[in-house]
Amino acid sequence: MKNSVYLDYAASTPTDPRVLETMQPYFWQRFGNAASPHSIGQRARKAVEDSRSLVATFLGAKPTEIIFTSSATESNNHAIFSTAHSLKNKGNHLIVSAMEHSSVLKPVDRLRTQGFEVSFIRPSPDGLIDPTLVESLIRLDTILIAVHHANNEIGVIEPVEQIGSIARAKGVYFLVDAAQTVGHVPVNVGQMCCDFLSLSAHKFYGPLGAGALYVREGIALDPLLLGGDQERGHRAATQNLPAIVGLAKALELCQQSMIQEGWEQSRLRDRITHEVLEYIDGALLNGHRQQRLPNNIHFSFENVKGEELVAALDMAGIAVSQGSACTSGSLTPSHVLKAIGLSDTRALGSLRVSLGRWTTSKDIEYFLQQLKLKIPQIQTSRDHLIRPSGSLTSCRAPLAKHSVRGRVTPDEKNSRGVK
């Protein structure tokens, strides 16, 4: 292995050493249960509340609107199930993007088994959700709209401000999964007009196992975990003091460097995009060319299986992925890529490259060199395996015909773009 190049920051980021340094005293010197009445416990409580204030400031929220959780997954589950329970007398209809993370789709699937109705929204071929389509689906019994800020696979940034304005005007709760955007691009809950927003620390150089849920003031939130009265009764469990402090420190560092890092990552991202589309036959960029995260590039390749390419690059010391780490064990095509109209063949031949704080130009040079080497090798190998049968002369798949924007209802056979 010549190099060790990490290009899977969208899956998880390394914890910044400055974050670790800030966390370290809270494991030994400044430990304590924030619910304890003595001075050690009260010092712990102050650290939690100082962290809450920092997170709130970053998001443009009030400290009382921030609930610390274990992850964006927990936060999404909490918001969805609480809304379904607390508003069951108003209605049972939800509107959800067909590209959402599984931490939104699976809770929604469970609600469907309990009699809730869900309208899934298919994006345009470039991965954008049309706000006017969202508005057209709102009914008197609609209680929740869920659209992520940016897609975790193809990196497209959605028009959540417009969708939030529509939801607020219609009196419908709006959940934004911001796991991919917090710490990387500006996030302001007021501008989004959202009622819930979720985030995970390990996506912006903080520790694993720490997350937060923004809940707009005045919204009743049923607890997901029962037990103690932590987090003002919204989440029972002793607060993870070191992780909460680490989450806040990571956000503080992002606040200081986000603009500069975004510019640098955008430059590297655009270089990769140009080189791949220019010099690799059959390469397709998935998602909008400009309206995307500064650190995300997602491709599909002809006559290439994504898992083979990921493995080949891993052997060369490069860590990349096909898409979401949460569904990496699945052998079915990505529901995100199917939703934007890709064929099964194209969807299975995908590659996600995500950059981060420590990505260098040298890393990108080595990655591009290896990518240009590995793809022809894989394509040649696959051609060789298929041609002897006499039934096919090439396994290259044609470009997929993109689907047209339209609503996706639970009754459709292909409700989320997945067969």
Protein backbone atom coordinates (compact mmCIF):
# COMPACT_ATOMS: atom_id res chain seq x y z
CA MET A 1 0.00 0.00 0.00
CA LYS A 2 1.68 3.20 -1.19
CA ASN A 3 -0.62 5.79 0.34
CA SER A 4 -3.33 6.14 2.92
CA VAL A 5 -5.91 8.56 1.56
CA TYR A 6 -9.25 9.05 3.31
CA LEU A 7 -12.00 10.34 1.00
CA ASP A 8 -15.09 9.20 2.90
CA TYR A 9 -15.71 12.21 5.15
CA ALA A 10 -19.45 12.05 4.44
CA ALA A 11 -19.55 8.72 6.31
CA SER A 12 -17.58 9.95 9.31
CA THR A 13 -14.90 12.48 10.07
CA PRO A 14 -11.86 12.04 12.32
CA THR A 15 -12.25 13.84 15.62
CA ASP A 16 -10.21 17.02 15.54
CA PRO A 17 -7.28 16.84 18.02
CA ARG A 18 -8.40 20.19 19.47
CA VAL A 19 -11.79 18.63 20.19
CA LEU A 20 -10.14 15.68 21.91
CA GLU A 21 -8.04 18.04 24.00
CA THR A 22 -11.18 19.89 25.12
CA MET A 23 -12.99 16.64 25.95
CA GLN A 24 -10.18 14.97 27.88
CA PRO A 25 -10.64 16.69 31.29
CA TYR A 26 -14.31 15.69 31.37
CA PHE A 27 -13.38 12.02 31.57
CA TRP A 28 -11.37 12.47 34.79
CA GLN A 29 -10.83 15.93 36.27
CA ARG A 30 -14.18 17.56 35.48
CA PHE A 31 -16.36 14.48 35.44
CA GLY A 32 -19.76 14.53 37.07
CA ASN A 33 -23.44 13.89 36.55
CA ALA A 34 -25.09 17.09 35.40
CA ALA A 35 -28.20 16.17 37.41
CA SER A 36 -26.32 15.90 40.72
CA PRO A 37 -26.91 18.73 43.25
CA HIS A 38 -23.34 18.98 44.57
CA SER A 39 -20.65 21.28 43.20
CA ILE A 40 -19.07 18.64 40.95
CA GLY A 41 -22.45 17.92 39.39
CA GLN A 42 -23.22 21.61 39.01
CA ARG A 43 -19.93 22.21 37.20
CA ALA A 44 -20.90 19.43 34.83
CA ARG A 45 -24.30 21.02 34.36
CA LYS A 46 -22.69 24.35 33.53
CA ALA A 47 -20.51 22.67 30.87
CA VAL A 48 -23.63 21.11 29.31
CA GLU A 49 -25.52 24.41 29.31
CA ASP A 50 -22.56 26.36 27.94
CA SER A 51 -22.37 23.80 25.13
CA ARG A 52 -26.10 24.11 24.51
CA SER A 53 -25.77 27.89 24.17
CA LEU A 54 -22.92 27.51 21.68
CA VAL A 55 -24.90 25.07 19.52
CA ALA A 56 -27.95 27.34 19.65
CA THR A 57 -25.91 30.35 18.55
CA PHE A 58 -24.45 28.40 15.64
CA LEU A 59 -27.94 27.43 14.43
CA GLY A 60 -29.62 30.77 15.13
CA ALA A 61 -31.77 29.18 17.82
CA LYS A 62 -32.47 29.62 21.53
CA PRO A 63 -30.67 27.37 24.06
CA THR A 64 -34.01 26.03 25.26
CA GLU A 65 -34.71 24.79 21.72
CA ILE A 66 -31.69 22.42 21.69
CA ILE A 67 -31.93 18.83 22.94
CA PHE A 68 -28.78 16.73 23.11
CA THR A 69 -29.12 13.20 21.68
CA SER A 70 -26.83 10.40 20.57
CA SER A 71 -27.08 11.10 16.82
CA ALA A 72 -29.08 12.54 13.96
CA THR A 73 -30.72 9.12 13.65
CA GLU A 74 -32.12 9.36 17.16
CA SER A 75 -33.11 12.98 16.54
CA ASN A 76 -35.02 12.08 13.37
CA ASN A 77 -36.80 9.21 15.08
CA HIS A 78 -37.72 11.44 18.00
CA ALA A 79 -39.18 14.20 15.82
CA ILE A 80 -41.16 11.81 13.60
CA PHE A 81 -42.69 9.62 16.28
CA SER A 82 -43.44 12.57 18.57
CA THR A 83 -45.22 14.43 15.77
CA ALA A 84 -47.22 11.35 14.81
CA HIS A 85 -48.34 10.85 18.40
CA SER A 86 -48.99 14.45 19.41
CA LEU A 87 -50.85 15.41 16.22
CA LYS A 88 -52.80 12.19 15.65
CA ASN A 89 -56.06 14.03 16.25
CA LYS A 90 -55.21 16.54 13.49
CA GLY A 91 -54.26 14.06 10.79
CA ASN A 92 -52.17 11.11 9.65
CA HIS A 93 -50.57 12.33 6.41
CA LEU A 94 -46.84 12.91 5.92
CA ILE A 95 -44.87 14.25 2.95
CA VAL A 96 -41.34 12.88 2.62
CA SER A 97 -38.57 13.21 0.07
CA ALA A 98 -37.92 9.90 -1.70
CA MET A 99 -34.19 10.44 -1.13
CA GLU A 100 -34.23 10.71 2.67
CA HIS A 101 -31.80 8.88 4.92
CA SER A 102 -33.00 5.55 6.31
CA SER A 103 -33.34 7.16 9.76
CA VAL A 104 -36.31 9.02 8.26
CA LEU A 105 -37.61 6.39 5.84
CA LYS A 106 -37.72 3.50 8.30
CA PRO A 107 -39.67 5.35 11.02
CA VAL A 108 -42.06 6.52 8.29
CA ASP A 109 -42.43 2.91 7.09
CA ARG A 110 -43.38 1.88 10.61
CA LEU A 111 -46.00 4.61 10.75
CA ARG A 112 -47.47 3.34 7.49
CA THR A 113 -48.10 -0.03 9.15
CA GLN A 114 -50.04 1.89 11.81
CA GLY A 115 -52.38 3.53 9.34
CA PHE A 116 -50.51 6.69 8.44
CA GLU A 117 -50.44 7.85 4.83
CA VAL A 118 -47.22 9.02 3.20
CA SER A 119 -46.63 10.88 -0.05
CA PHE A 120 -43.06 10.41 -1.25
CA ILE A 121 -41.69 13.16 -3.48
CA ARG A 122 -39.49 12.16 -6.39
CA PRO A 123 -36.75 14.70 -7.19
CA SER A 124 -35.79 16.07 -10.58
CA PRO A 125 -32.98 14.23 -12.44
CA ASP A 126 -30.42 16.56 -10.85
CA GLY A 127 -31.63 15.65 -7.35
CA LEU A 128 -33.60 18.78 -6.48
CA ILE A 129 -36.97 18.74 -4.73
CA ASP A 130 -39.49 21.14 -6.28
CA PRO A 131 -41.11 23.31 -3.55
CA THR A 132 -44.24 23.78 -5.66
CA LEU A 133 -44.68 20.02 -5.81
CA VAL A 134 -44.41 19.85 -2.03
CA GLU A 135 -47.08 22.53 -1.74
CA SER A 136 -49.40 20.66 -4.11
CA LEU A 137 -49.29 17.58 -1.86
CA ILE A 138 -50.28 19.35 1.36
CA ARG A 139 -53.71 18.35 2.66
CA LEU A 140 -55.83 19.35 5.62
CA ASP A 141 -54.61 16.24 7.45
CA THR A 142 -50.90 16.74 6.65
CA ILE A 143 -48.90 16.91 9.88
CA LEU A 144 -45.24 16.68 8.81
CA ILE A 145 -42.95 17.39 5.86
CA ALA A 146 -39.42 15.89 5.89
CA VAL A 147 -36.74 17.04 3.45
CA HIS A 148 -33.02 16.87 4.17
CA HIS A 149 -30.82 19.94 3.81
CA ALA A 150 -28.33 18.03 1.64
CA ASN A 151 -28.42 14.46 0.42
CA ASN A 152 -25.93 12.16 2.11
CA GLU A 153 -25.12 10.31 -1.12
CA ILE A 154 -25.12 12.77 -4.01
CA GLY A 155 -24.55 15.93 -1.95
CA VAL A 156 -27.28 18.08 -3.53
CA ILE A 157 -28.39 21.01 -1.35
CA GLU A 158 -32.17 21.27 -1.31
CA PRO A 159 -34.25 24.49 -1.34
CA VAL A 160 -35.31 24.00 2.28
CA GLU A 161 -35.89 27.73 2.85
CA GLN A 162 -38.67 27.79 0.25
CA ILE A 163 -40.13 24.49 1.47
CA GLY A 164 -40.03 25.71 5.06
CA SER A 165 -41.85 28.92 4.17
CA ILE A 166 -44.60 26.89 2.50
CA ALA A 167 -44.88 24.53 5.46
CA ARG A 168 -45.05 27.40 7.96
CA ALA A 169 -47.74 29.19 5.96
CA LYS A 170 -49.80 25.98 5.83
CA GLY A 171 -49.33 25.19 9.52
CA VAL A 172 -47.44 21.94 8.84
CA TYR A 173 -44.41 20.84 10.86
CA PHE A 174 -41.14 20.70 8.91
CA LEU A 175 -38.22 18.38 9.73
CA VAL A 176 -34.78 19.05 8.22
CA ASP A 177 -32.06 16.42 8.48
CA ALA A 178 -28.92 18.59 8.47
CA ALA A 179 -26.38 15.88 9.27
CA GLN A 180 -24.44 16.57 6.06
CA THR A 181 -24.52 20.36 6.21
CA VAL A 182 -23.94 21.50 9.81
CA GLY A 183 -20.31 22.56 10.08
CA HIS A 184 -19.83 22.64 6.31
CA VAL A 185 -22.25 25.30 5.06
CA PRO A 186 -24.31 27.95 6.90
CA VAL A 187 -27.35 26.55 8.71
CA ASN A 188 -29.95 28.85 10.24
CA VAL A 189 -33.20 27.45 11.58
CA GLY A 190 -34.95 30.80 11.30
CA GLN A 191 -34.20 31.14 7.61
CA MET A 192 -35.30 27.54 7.03
CA CYS A 193 -38.58 28.03 8.90
CA CYS A 194 -38.11 24.51 10.23
CA ASP A 195 -39.70 23.05 13.35
CA PHE A 196 -37.15 20.27 13.82
CA LEU A 197 -33.52 19.98 12.72
CA SER A 198 -31.16 17.07 13.37
CA LEU A 199 -27.36 16.84 13.42
CA SER A 200 -24.51 14.46 14.33
CA ALA A 201 -21.15 15.54 15.75
CA HIS A 202 -19.11 12.90 13.92
CA LYS A 203 -20.00 14.54 10.60
CA PHE A 204 -18.13 17.75 11.52
CA TYR A 205 -14.99 16.54 13.32
CA GLY A 206 -16.68 15.88 16.66
CA PRO A 207 -17.02 12.61 18.59
CA LEU A 208 -19.16 9.64 17.66
CA GLY A 209 -22.28 9.16 19.77
CA ALA A 210 -23.19 12.83 20.09
CA GLY A 211 -26.01 14.61 18.30
CA ALA A 212 -28.69 17.23 18.77
CA LEU A 213 -32.28 17.97 17.87
CA TYR A 214 -33.57 21.50 17.41
CA VAL A 215 -37.22 21.81 18.41
CA ARG A 216 -38.92 25.13 17.74
CA GLU A 217 -40.21 26.85 20.85
CA GLY A 218 -43.85 26.08 21.59
CA ILE A 219 -43.88 22.61 20.01
CA ALA A 220 -44.88 19.79 22.33
CA LEU A 221 -42.31 16.99 22.13
CA ASP A 222 -43.09 13.57 23.56
CA PRO A 223 -40.02 11.85 25.03
CA LEU A 224 -38.58 8.99 22.98
CA LEU A 225 -36.68 7.58 25.98
CA LEU A 226 -38.37 7.27 29.36
CA GLY A 227 -36.69 7.34 32.76
CA GLY A 228 -35.19 10.51 34.22
CA ASP A 229 -35.97 14.15 33.64
CA GLN A 230 -32.80 15.05 31.73
CA GLU A 231 -33.00 17.50 28.82
CA ARG A 232 -36.00 19.20 30.45
CA GLY A 233 -37.89 15.92 30.42
CA HIS A 234 -37.50 15.38 26.68
CA ARG A 235 -34.77 12.69 26.78
CA ALA A 236 -34.17 10.41 29.72
CA ALA A 237 -30.51 9.32 30.12
CA THR A 238 -27.49 10.71 31.90
CA GLN A 239 -25.99 13.33 29.60
CA ASN A 240 -22.81 12.27 27.81
CA LEU A 241 -20.77 15.13 29.20
CA PRO A 242 -17.48 14.65 27.28
CA ALA A 243 -19.32 14.08 23.99
CA ILE A 244 -21.56 17.14 24.45
CA VAL A 245 -18.55 19.32 25.19
CA GLY A 246 -16.80 17.83 22.15
CA LEU A 247 -19.78 18.50 19.89
CA ALA A 248 -19.84 22.15 20.93
CA LYS A 249 -16.08 22.56 20.48
CA ALA A 250 -16.25 21.00 17.02
CA LEU A 251 -18.94 23.50 16.01
CA GLU A 252 -16.89 26.36 17.41
CA LEU A 253 -13.95 25.32 15.25
CA CYS A 254 -16.19 24.96 12.20
CA GLN A 255 -17.55 28.45 12.76
CA GLN A 256 -14.00 29.78 12.54
CA SER A 257 -12.88 27.84 9.46
CA MET A 258 -16.02 26.87 7.52
CA ILE A 259 -15.78 29.52 4.80
CA GLN A 260 -12.09 28.91 4.06
CA GLU A 261 -12.46 25.13 4.17
CA GLY A 262 -15.50 25.29 1.91
CA TRP A 263 -13.58 27.27 -0.66
CA GLU A 264 -10.62 24.90 -0.59
CA GLN A 265 -12.79 21.79 -0.80
CA SER A 266 -14.87 23.25 -3.64
CA ARG A 267 -11.68 23.81 -5.61
CA LEU A 268 -10.58 20.20 -5.12
CA ARG A 269 -14.10 18.93 -5.80
CA ASP A 270 -14.27 20.78 -9.11
CA ARG A 271 -10.87 19.50 -10.12
CA ILE A 272 -11.98 15.90 -9.54
CA THR A 273 -15.22 16.50 -11.43
CA HIS A 274 -13.41 17.96 -14.44
CA GLU A 275 -10.77 15.23 -14.58
CA VAL A 276 -13.22 12.35 -14.26
CA LEU A 277 -15.77 13.64 -16.78
CA GLU A 278 -13.04 14.67 -19.21
CA TYR A 279 -10.82 11.60 -19.15
CA ILE A 280 -12.93 8.61 -18.07
CA ASP A 281 -15.31 7.25 -20.70
CA GLY A 282 -18.85 6.63 -19.52
CA ALA A 283 -18.52 8.71 -16.34
CA LEU A 284 -21.66 10.48 -15.14
CA LEU A 285 -21.89 13.08 -12.37
CA ASN A 286 -24.90 12.44 -10.14
CA GLY A 287 -26.65 15.49 -8.76
CA HIS A 288 -26.71 19.17 -9.59
CA ARG A 289 -23.35 20.50 -10.81
CA GLN A 290 -23.35 23.68 -8.70
CA GLN A 291 -26.03 23.35 -6.02
CA ARG A 292 -24.16 20.79 -3.96
CA LEU A 293 -21.94 20.47 -0.90
CA PRO A 294 -18.38 21.77 -1.31
CA ASN A 295 -16.93 18.41 -0.29
CA ASN A 296 -19.12 15.90 -2.17
CA ILE A 297 -18.72 14.35 -5.62
CA HIS A 298 -20.77 11.35 -6.76
CA PHE A 299 -20.27 9.45 -10.02
CA SER A 300 -21.69 6.49 -11.88
CA PHE A 301 -19.54 4.56 -14.35
CA GLU A 302 -20.42 2.33 -17.29
CA ASN A 303 -19.49 -1.33 -17.06
CA VAL A 304 -18.21 -1.01 -13.48
CA LYS A 305 -19.60 -2.43 -10.26
CA GLY A 306 -19.20 0.04 -7.46
CA GLU A 307 -18.17 -2.49 -4.84
CA GLU A 308 -15.39 -3.75 -7.11
CA LEU A 309 -14.12 -0.22 -7.62
CA VAL A 310 -14.28 0.60 -3.90
CA ALA A 311 -12.34 -2.59 -3.13
CA ALA A 312 -9.74 -1.91 -5.82
CA LEU A 313 -9.15 1.61 -4.54
CA ASP A 314 -9.00 0.32 -0.97
CA MET A 315 -6.19 -2.03 -2.04
CA ALA A 316 -4.38 1.06 -3.30
CA GLY A 317 -4.80 2.75 0.08
CA ILE A 318 -7.76 4.97 -0.80
CA ALA A 319 -10.94 4.96 1.29
CA VAL A 320 -14.08 5.88 -0.67
CA SER A 321 -17.63 4.51 -0.76
CA GLN A 322 -20.61 4.00 -3.02
CA GLY A 323 -22.95 6.00 -0.83
CA SER A 324 -24.46 5.90 2.62
CA ALA A 325 -22.46 3.85 5.14
CA CYS A 326 -25.78 2.97 6.83
CA THR A 327 -26.88 0.90 3.81
CA SER A 328 -23.47 -0.27 2.54
CA GLY A 329 -24.33 -3.93 3.14
CA SER A 330 -27.27 -3.84 0.74
CA LEU A 331 -26.94 -5.49 -2.66
CA THR A 332 -29.85 -3.51 -4.10
CA PRO A 333 -29.41 -0.26 -6.04
CA SER A 334 -29.42 2.93 -3.98
CA HIS A 335 -32.93 4.32 -3.53
CA VAL A 336 -31.42 7.79 -3.99
CA LEU A 337 -29.98 6.98 -7.41
CA LYS A 338 -33.14 5.19 -8.47
CA ALA A 339 -35.18 8.22 -7.40
CA ILE A 340 -33.22 10.50 -9.76
CA GLY A 341 -33.84 8.09 -12.64
CA LEU A 342 -30.72 5.94 -12.90
CA SER A 343 -30.98 2.37 -14.19
CA ASP A 344 -30.02 -0.47 -11.88
CA THR A 345 -26.76 -0.92 -13.78
CA ARG A 346 -25.81 2.72 -13.46
CA ALA A 347 -26.86 2.88 -9.82
CA LEU A 348 -24.75 -0.16 -8.93
CA GLY A 349 -21.75 1.39 -10.67
CA SER A 350 -21.56 4.39 -8.35
CA LEU A 351 -18.77 6.02 -6.36
CA ARG A 352 -18.97 8.73 -3.69
CA VAL A 353 -15.90 10.84 -3.01
CA SER A 354 -16.13 13.17 -0.01
CA LEU A 355 -13.41 15.54 1.12
CA GLY A 356 -12.57 17.02 4.48
CA ARG A 357 -10.36 19.18 6.67
CA TRP A 358 -7.20 17.20 6.02
CA THR A 359 -7.64 16.43 2.31
CA THR A 360 -4.68 17.70 0.27
CA SER A 361 -3.96 18.30 -3.40
CA LYS A 362 -1.50 15.42 -3.21
CA ASP A 363 -4.30 13.13 -2.02
CA ILE A 364 -6.42 14.13 -5.00
CA GLU A 365 -3.56 13.60 -7.45
CA TYR A 366 -3.02 10.08 -6.15
CA PHE A 367 -6.74 9.32 -6.17
CA LEU A 368 -7.18 10.47 -9.77
CA GLN A 369 -4.12 8.50 -10.84
CA GLN A 370 -5.46 5.31 -9.28
CA LEU A 371 -9.03 5.87 -10.50
CA LYS A 372 -7.87 6.24 -14.11
CA LEU A 373 -5.88 3.04 -13.68
CA LYS A 374 -8.47 0.89 -11.90
CA ILE A 375 -11.58 1.64 -13.97
CA PRO A 376 -10.17 0.39 -17.31
CA GLN A 377 -8.86 -2.71 -15.53
CA ILE A 378 -12.30 -3.48 -14.10
CA GLN A 379 -14.06 -2.73 -17.39
CA THR A 380 -11.66 -4.99 -19.33
CA SER A 381 -12.11 -7.76 -16.79
CA ARG A 382 -15.90 -7.58 -17.00
CA ASP A 383 -15.87 -7.47 -20.81
CA HIS A 384 -13.69 -10.58 -20.82
CA LEU A 385 -16.11 -12.44 -18.53
CA ILE A 386 -19.16 -11.66 -20.65
CA ARG A 387 -17.95 -11.92 -24.24
CA PRO A 388 -17.16 -15.69 -24.35
CA SER A 389 -20.84 -16.55 -23.94
CA GLY A 390 -21.57 -15.22 -27.39
CA SER A 391 -24.78 -13.62 -26.20
CA LEU A 392 -23.31 -10.21 -25.51
CA THR A 393 -20.46 -8.28 -27.04
CA SER A 394 -20.36 -5.65 -24.35
CA CYS A 395 -21.81 -5.14 -20.90
CA ARG A 396 -21.75 -1.38 -21.16
CA ALA A 397 -25.13 -0.02 -20.12
CA PRO A 398 -26.74 2.94 -21.87
CA LEU A 399 -27.27 6.16 -19.99
CA ALA A 400 -30.44 6.05 -17.95
CA LYS A 401 -33.45 8.03 -19.06
CA HIS A 402 -34.24 10.33 -16.19
CA SER A 403 -37.66 10.26 -14.63
CA VAL A 404 -39.94 13.26 -14.65
CA ARG A 405 -40.85 15.07 -11.48
CA GLY A 406 -43.97 13.70 -9.92
CA ARG A 407 -45.50 12.56 -6.70
CA VAL A 408 -44.74 9.13 -5.37
CA THR A 409 -47.53 7.61 -3.31
CA PRO A 410 -47.51 4.56 -1.04
CA ASP A 411 -49.69 2.66 -3.51
CA GLU A 412 -47.22 2.87 -6.36
CA LYS A 413 -45.21 -0.25 -7.06
CA ASN A 414 -41.98 1.72 -7.01
CA SER A 415 -42.88 4.14 -4.23
CA ARG A 416 -39.36 5.19 -3.30
CA GLY A 417 -37.57 4.52 -6.54
CA VAL A 418 -36.67 1.02 -5.27
CA LYS A 419 -38.22 -2.09 -6.75
